[in-house]
């Protein structure tokens, strides 16, 4: 029986649970010096910096400002070529600061404490400039963050105008929705260490991709391939926020070359909340047209995207929102435009789902607004508009091609598991009784794109003389369970026990260059290439086993149950992997690469909330999810990813919000102010099994790392609004805090 599909305990867990994990800040690197950054306390100002006092402070090795640093400013995120690359970010603020938390100076000291003391001695003279927080003001150009460019528009997308977009519609609903900024908040913030020996840079990174990190360091520092080594062991979470090399990390590497030896940095939590790229930050204007019986005829969407102070990945998120604008529905006509605008706030980057949760929120929240207008049950409205299961591969009105799907099945499974009819009956009872705590039932059916990031993934599989095996993978994990998943695939193909397969990653001296671990690509692309490399080793071994068994190679089979080779039809005489390896003049090894087209996992969620009508407090009672990500390699890993994604989606819907005041000062700079979700606010999630394999890779697997985040957010908001719908409430913006819910109740009552 194959190990695939079974609940195999993670290989990674023993070391992580016993404190044996190797994180950047726990590495013992002899002779380390520590970097402390002096950061802007103003959102927008001209600056003059005096670091003379800090240079002579005890324990200080070096102090640098923009004047001493010869690194060029950074262009926009290359994955989105439509971003205006003129909006460059300096490594250290040069004459002007554009957000609170922007690095102004870097101090290298013998320890962190002396660095912090010296930072207090750096004098920054601020000549305030008008802050820019409001997106409408940014669009008008009232204040320009880059006056020489004459605009705050970082990126625009405009699909060709659609004639007769709402022709045939009896009803057109309009809704403005706000996806507020949220902070990735990984348990391990950004951290790095750089060691320069005069010829070679060794860079220890907390990253989602060692190859991209190495490539960036080579390009920005002018170093040859052999002069850079990147090492990444364990990573305490990334969620898209560690996909590139930050300005701070680049400067640490530059300082190591400048000073020689080892220089390191790890950010504080306040630095993390104010300086690491935020997620989401979209204002969505949505119009949906339908016939009176609920058939969709057209959709118009305009996205206003917060870019923050500089062009980063967030500026390109509307491109991914556009790709998934149709959701799971057969919408014949779609109009789409978007504008990304600068503000004097922290730059917006990629965060779990990156543009796709925003798309799901727009269409799924819009469907509930339409259902209310039509007086139709939200489940029935969705049923009438799904792309049918026999339409795949299906091309949407924006040109996205979905591989496989059965959206009706996913919704029905979720509704049955939740006892939807029973919930509606209980809701009616509470409304009739005028209960203080009203019930809300929210639905969301979603599809998302995974594996869309271009580039091939390599893998090398080697079988050793003792019959064990090693998998070398180019992908860099940060909590997904790659060691477990890749070992399972190799064990399935080789017939070698899972426990005897070692997975190696995270060192550019050892592994071939792969891509970022992001966009939910690892299982389907990296898992496939591990399987292919394993198959190639099996073919080598069959030829050797044939010689030992005195048979033709085509007659030799691998008995995967026992990991032994024998002649077909004669299973009594066998040769083990160790026998075959011993007969080889060279190591049994094979390297393969694989690149795939995107796949489209899908699912449905049902959320049940209870709203206290006196206080506005919404409590999530149940969350039911049917998430279909193709073939499931390990249910334990699958469920872990879905649970984590759902938690982050619920957090956005109910609690989390990065806030700034009217002058651009952050109001959520600590975890005392930023309401990160915990287990206390979450129920036990109820997962419903579903597998619809894709034909686009050998495993039939799709991505699942972000799926839980896609449908859970609109589902929960729909549930909160549904609890108040009998009062005439049609929409509440996220997060659905007690203040916002109470205000909606009061507004409806008046």
Foldseek 3Di string as FASTA:
>chain_A
DALFPAFDDFPPPVCVVVVNFDAAVPDDFPPEWEKDFQWDQALKWFKDKDLVQLCPFPFWDDKDFLVVDPFDFFFADVLFVQFARVQTHDLADDRMAHATLGTGMMIIGSDPVSNVVSSVVMDMDTGDDFFFDDLVCQQVCVDDLCVVVPHFFGGKDWDPDDPPQQPPFPDKDKDKFWQFWFAQPFVFFWKKKWADAPQAIEIEGQALAQQQALVVLCVRVVHDSVRYKYFYTAHRDDQQQRHHQHSVNSVNNVVCNVVHGMYIYGDDLLSRLFAGAIEDAKIKIKMWGHYLVQETAHIEIEIEHEFEAGRYQSQRLCVQLLLCLCWQFQHQYYTYMYTYGYGSGHGHHHGQQRNQLVSQLRVQLVLLLVCLVSVHDSLVSCVNTGDDQVCPLPAHNSGHGAHGDHQNVQAVLLCVVVVVVVQVVVQVVCVVVVPLKHKFKFKGKGKHKAQARFDKWKKKKFQALVRAIEIETSGDDHPLSVQQLLLSLLLSLQLGDSVRYGYDYGMCVPHPHGHGPDRQNCCFRVSQQSNVFSNQLVLVLLCLQCVVQVHHSVQWDQPSPRSWIDGVPDPPDTDHSNRSQVSDPDIRMGMDMDGWHIHMKIHMKMWMWIARQVQQDIATDAIEIETEFARRRHVNSLVVLLVVLLLVLLCSQAFFHFDAPPSNRTPQSDCVRGPRDDCVRDDPYHYDYDHDFGPTGPRSGHGRNNHNNNGNNSRVQNRLQRSCVVLVRSGFHPRSYSVRSNVSSVVSVD
